Amino acid sequence: LEKKKIEEQLKLAKDVQLGLLPSSQPEIAGYSFASVCIPTYEIGGDYFDYIPIDENRIAIVIADVSGDGVPAALIMAAFRALLRYNAKLFSNPAKLMQLMNEHVSEFMRKRDFISIFYGILNYKDHSFAYCNCGHNPALHYNLTGTKLLEGGGPSLNLLKDAEFKTLKLTLGKNDQILFYTDGVVEVFNKDKKQFGLDRLINVFNSNADKSPDDIIKQIISATKDFSSSDFYNDDFTLLVLKKNN
């Protein structure tokens, strides 16, 4: 009976956590989006979001709380609330990350940390300003190839006086950005080989002519084929942004 009660509570917690993630994709002329979050357990520490800033800008977030299960989920919920409350106050991603780094210690243990990729898409001038705080580098695809979007600063809650910087790029026709958490690249096969970044880039590049939805489907299919399993050992989150024209 006790086990059943806990399972019911976790199911309720899963419903609550799913309610904290976007239920639909942004509708922005000239752009298309797709995203998916597959927690390993009922609840987990991966987080992604779309946060409207003003009539021309939207913030795109993907983050990963260290650990998994209930503790990671609780930290994620508190982190989301703090981020959403402050996002519209800062047009500079690095300044926002500075503030977040100062305040996350209020609800995190010393051993906990959060990696986050935070970017602001301006769909009027098609610029993308971002700060990567210890997160897996997003992949920017254009006609010249695929570039890793690195740089920004360390994961949050690691260094109290950490410095953060904002980087910027301009999106052209058919440019795409793939955001992901480490659960995507850290998929292992029966020989204990890792799916890895190179395979992810190959799948991304070979499907770049497809829609964001189809790209995500192809990556999920490729990782499951690689591991010969439908189960992910870590929370698995993907988000794709495409400029259509």
Protein backbone atom coordinates (compact mmCIF):
# COMPACT_ATOMS: atom_id res chain seq x y z
CA LEU A 1 0.00 0.00 0.00
CA GLU A 2 2.86 2.35 0.86
CA LYS A 3 4.53 1.63 -2.49
CA LYS A 4 1.28 2.27 -4.35
CA LYS A 5 0.83 5.57 -2.51
CA ILE A 6 4.33 6.71 -3.51
CA GLU A 7 3.72 5.67 -7.14
CA GLU A 8 0.49 7.69 -7.20
CA GLN A 9 2.29 10.73 -5.77
CA LEU A 10 5.04 10.42 -8.39
CA LYS A 11 2.43 10.21 -11.13
CA LEU A 12 0.84 13.40 -9.81
CA ALA A 13 4.28 15.02 -9.63
CA LYS A 14 4.90 14.02 -13.26
CA ASP A 15 1.67 15.71 -14.33
CA VAL A 16 2.65 18.86 -12.42
CA GLN A 17 6.14 18.88 -13.94
CA LEU A 18 4.83 18.38 -17.47
CA GLY A 19 2.62 21.40 -16.82
CA LEU A 20 5.79 23.46 -16.24
CA LEU A 21 7.06 22.67 -19.75
CA PRO A 22 5.66 24.33 -22.90
CA SER A 23 2.54 22.56 -24.18
CA SER A 24 2.87 24.05 -27.68
CA GLN A 25 5.47 25.57 -29.99
CA PRO A 26 5.83 29.33 -30.56
CA GLU A 27 4.04 30.70 -33.62
CA ILE A 28 6.43 33.18 -35.17
CA ALA A 29 6.29 34.15 -38.85
CA GLY A 30 9.30 32.80 -40.74
CA TYR A 31 10.33 30.38 -37.97
CA SER A 32 9.40 26.89 -36.87
CA PHE A 33 10.15 25.00 -33.65
CA ALA A 34 9.96 21.51 -32.21
CA SER A 35 10.86 20.08 -28.82
CA VAL A 36 10.65 16.93 -26.71
CA CYS A 37 11.52 15.97 -23.12
CA ILE A 38 11.72 12.29 -22.11
CA PRO A 39 12.48 11.89 -18.38
CA THR A 40 14.23 8.68 -17.29
CA TYR A 41 12.03 8.37 -14.23
CA GLU A 42 8.56 9.79 -13.63
CA ILE A 43 10.14 13.18 -12.99
CA GLY A 44 13.56 14.59 -13.76
CA GLY A 45 15.91 17.55 -13.91
CA ASP A 46 15.83 18.53 -17.59
CA TYR A 47 14.07 21.77 -18.48
CA PHE A 48 13.35 23.70 -21.65
CA ASP A 49 11.22 26.76 -22.25
CA TYR A 50 10.13 29.53 -24.57
CA ILE A 51 9.75 32.86 -22.75
CA PRO A 52 8.25 35.82 -24.66
CA ILE A 53 10.30 38.97 -23.90
CA ASP A 54 8.53 41.59 -26.03
CA GLU A 55 6.86 41.92 -29.45
CA ASN A 56 10.13 41.16 -31.29
CA ARG A 57 12.00 38.78 -29.00
CA ILE A 58 11.63 35.37 -27.38
CA ALA A 59 14.01 33.61 -24.99
CA ILE A 60 14.88 29.98 -25.66
CA VAL A 61 16.14 27.95 -22.72
CA ILE A 62 17.46 24.46 -22.18
CA ALA A 63 18.89 23.40 -18.83
CA ASP A 64 19.94 20.34 -16.88
CA VAL A 65 20.01 20.03 -13.09
CA SER A 66 22.70 17.73 -11.70
CA GLY A 67 21.35 14.40 -10.47
CA ASP A 68 17.92 13.05 -11.31
CA GLY A 69 14.57 12.09 -9.86
CA VAL A 70 12.76 14.05 -7.15
CA PRO A 71 15.62 16.32 -5.90
CA ALA A 72 16.48 17.44 -9.45
CA ALA A 73 12.80 18.02 -10.26
CA LEU A 74 12.30 20.22 -7.18
CA ILE A 75 15.35 22.33 -8.04
CA MET A 76 14.17 22.61 -11.64
CA ALA A 77 10.77 23.93 -10.54
CA ALA A 78 12.34 26.59 -8.30
CA PHE A 79 14.85 27.51 -11.02
CA ARG A 80 12.11 27.90 -13.63
CA ALA A 81 10.16 30.27 -11.38
CA LEU A 82 13.23 32.44 -10.73
CA LEU A 83 14.22 32.50 -14.41
CA ARG A 84 10.75 33.38 -15.70
CA TYR A 85 10.35 36.12 -13.09
CA ASN A 86 13.58 37.83 -14.17
CA ALA A 87 13.81 37.07 -17.92
CA LYS A 88 11.90 40.14 -19.12
CA LEU A 89 14.08 42.44 -16.99
CA PHE A 90 17.29 41.62 -18.90
CA SER A 91 18.01 42.04 -22.61
CA ASN A 92 21.56 40.77 -22.07
CA PRO A 93 21.70 36.98 -21.43
CA ALA A 94 24.99 37.24 -19.51
CA LYS A 95 23.54 39.79 -17.07
CA LEU A 96 20.58 37.49 -16.39
CA MET A 97 22.88 34.51 -15.85
CA GLN A 98 24.94 36.60 -13.42
CA LEU A 99 21.81 37.28 -11.39
CA MET A 100 20.67 33.65 -11.56
CA ASN A 101 24.08 32.45 -10.36
CA GLU A 102 23.85 34.77 -7.34
CA HIS A 103 20.40 33.51 -6.31
CA VAL A 104 20.26 29.76 -7.08
CA SER A 105 22.29 28.98 -3.95
CA GLU A 106 19.16 29.92 -1.95
CA PHE A 107 17.48 26.66 -2.97
CA MET A 108 20.43 24.46 -4.01
CA ARG A 109 22.89 22.42 -1.99
CA LYS A 110 26.60 23.18 -2.47
CA ARG A 111 27.08 20.00 -4.49
CA ASP A 112 24.24 20.80 -6.93
CA PHE A 113 24.69 22.73 -10.17
CA ILE A 114 22.69 23.67 -13.24
CA SER A 115 24.01 23.79 -16.79
CA ILE A 116 21.97 26.16 -18.95
CA PHE A 117 21.98 27.43 -22.51
CA TYR A 118 20.00 30.68 -22.62
CA GLY A 119 19.46 32.62 -25.84
CA ILE A 120 17.28 35.46 -27.04
CA LEU A 121 15.96 35.29 -30.60
CA ASN A 122 15.13 38.66 -32.15
CA TYR A 123 12.82 37.77 -35.01
CA LYS A 124 12.83 41.31 -36.36
CA ASP A 125 16.56 41.56 -37.12
CA HIS A 126 17.09 37.72 -36.98
CA SER A 127 19.84 37.93 -34.39
CA PHE A 128 20.42 35.34 -31.69
CA ALA A 129 22.24 36.45 -28.53
CA TYR A 130 23.19 33.65 -26.15
CA CYS A 131 25.11 32.63 -23.06
CA ASN A 132 26.15 29.00 -22.61
CA CYS A 133 26.73 28.22 -18.94
CA GLY A 134 28.52 24.89 -18.85
CA HIS A 135 25.89 23.27 -21.07
CA ASN A 136 26.33 21.03 -24.10
CA PRO A 137 27.10 23.31 -27.06
CA ALA A 138 24.07 23.96 -29.24
CA LEU A 139 24.61 23.16 -32.93
CA HIS A 140 24.17 25.97 -35.46
CA TYR A 141 23.66 24.66 -38.99
CA ASN A 142 23.94 26.84 -42.09
CA LEU A 143 25.17 26.48 -45.66
CA THR A 144 28.83 26.56 -44.56
CA GLY A 145 28.44 23.68 -42.10
CA THR A 146 27.70 23.12 -38.42
CA LYS A 147 29.23 25.25 -35.69
CA LEU A 148 29.28 24.57 -31.93
CA LEU A 149 27.81 27.39 -29.85
CA GLU A 150 30.15 27.38 -26.87
CA GLY A 151 31.28 30.04 -24.43
CA GLY A 152 29.41 32.07 -21.88
CA GLY A 153 30.48 30.89 -18.46
CA PRO A 154 30.45 27.99 -15.99
CA SER A 155 27.42 26.05 -14.79
CA LEU A 156 25.38 27.88 -12.17
CA ASN A 157 26.11 27.38 -8.45
CA LEU A 158 29.74 26.36 -9.05
CA LEU A 159 31.54 29.70 -8.59
CA LYS A 160 30.04 32.55 -6.59
CA ASP A 161 31.95 35.28 -8.47
CA ALA A 162 31.76 33.67 -11.91
CA GLU A 163 31.84 35.95 -14.95
CA PHE A 164 29.51 35.45 -17.89
CA LYS A 165 29.55 36.81 -21.44
CA THR A 166 27.03 37.11 -24.25
CA LEU A 167 27.79 35.94 -27.78
CA LYS A 168 25.77 36.80 -30.87
CA LEU A 169 25.07 35.47 -34.36
CA THR A 170 22.75 36.34 -37.24
CA LEU A 171 20.45 33.70 -38.69
CA GLY A 172 20.11 33.33 -42.48
CA LYS A 173 17.62 31.44 -44.62
CA ASN A 174 17.21 27.78 -43.56
CA ASP A 175 19.60 28.19 -40.62
CA GLN A 176 18.84 25.84 -37.74
CA ILE A 177 19.90 25.52 -34.12
CA LEU A 178 19.72 22.23 -32.23
CA PHE A 179 19.64 22.42 -28.42
CA TYR A 180 20.03 19.24 -26.36
CA THR A 181 20.94 17.88 -22.93
CA ASP A 182 23.71 15.39 -22.16
CA GLY A 183 21.21 12.51 -22.10
CA VAL A 184 21.11 12.75 -25.92
CA VAL A 185 24.84 12.23 -26.51
CA GLU A 186 25.44 9.95 -23.50
CA VAL A 187 23.45 7.05 -24.91
CA PHE A 188 25.47 3.80 -24.81
CA ASN A 189 25.29 0.64 -26.89
CA LYS A 190 25.87 -2.92 -25.69
CA ASP A 191 29.64 -2.50 -26.26
CA LYS A 192 29.61 0.50 -23.89
CA LYS A 193 30.36 2.91 -26.76
CA GLN A 194 28.79 6.34 -26.55
CA PHE A 195 26.47 7.82 -29.19
CA GLY A 196 28.48 11.01 -28.86
CA LEU A 197 28.53 14.45 -30.41
CA ASP A 198 29.90 13.40 -33.83
CA ARG A 199 26.99 11.02 -34.45
CA LEU A 200 24.52 13.69 -33.33
CA ILE A 201 26.06 16.19 -35.77
CA ASN A 202 25.90 13.61 -38.58
CA VAL A 203 22.20 12.92 -37.97
CA PHE A 204 21.50 16.65 -37.70
CA ASN A 205 23.38 17.49 -40.91
CA SER A 206 21.88 14.65 -42.96
CA ASN A 207 18.35 15.73 -42.00
CA ALA A 208 18.84 19.48 -42.21
CA ASP A 209 16.40 19.79 -45.12
CA LYS A 210 13.60 18.37 -42.97
CA SER A 211 11.24 20.10 -40.53
CA PRO A 212 12.22 20.50 -36.84
CA ASP A 213 9.66 17.80 -35.94
CA ASP A 214 11.22 15.34 -38.37
CA ILE A 215 14.75 16.16 -37.19
CA ILE A 216 13.77 15.28 -33.63
CA LYS A 217 12.15 12.04 -34.80
CA GLN A 218 15.32 11.08 -36.69
CA ILE A 219 17.55 11.76 -33.66
CA ILE A 220 15.29 9.71 -31.37
CA SER A 221 15.28 6.87 -33.93
CA ALA A 222 19.08 7.02 -34.34
CA THR A 223 19.76 6.93 -30.58
CA LYS A 224 17.34 4.04 -30.02
CA ASP A 225 18.85 2.08 -32.92
CA PHE A 226 22.31 2.73 -31.50
CA SER A 227 21.45 1.50 -28.01
CA SER A 228 19.02 -1.24 -29.17
CA SER A 229 16.69 0.01 -26.45
CA ASP A 230 13.62 2.20 -26.02
CA PHE A 231 14.81 3.26 -22.54
CA TYR A 232 17.08 6.26 -21.87
CA ASN A 233 19.40 6.11 -18.84
CA ASP A 234 19.35 9.88 -18.47
CA ASP A 235 16.74 12.56 -19.09
CA PHE A 236 16.61 13.18 -22.85
CA THR A 237 15.65 16.64 -24.14
CA LEU A 238 15.83 18.15 -27.64
CA LEU A 239 14.75 21.49 -29.09
CA VAL A 240 15.10 22.63 -32.71
CA LEU A 241 14.74 26.17 -34.05
CA LYS A 242 14.62 26.77 -37.82
CA LYS A 243 14.53 29.99 -39.82
CA ASN A 244 12.37 29.15 -42.82
CA ASN A 245 13.05 32.13 -45.07
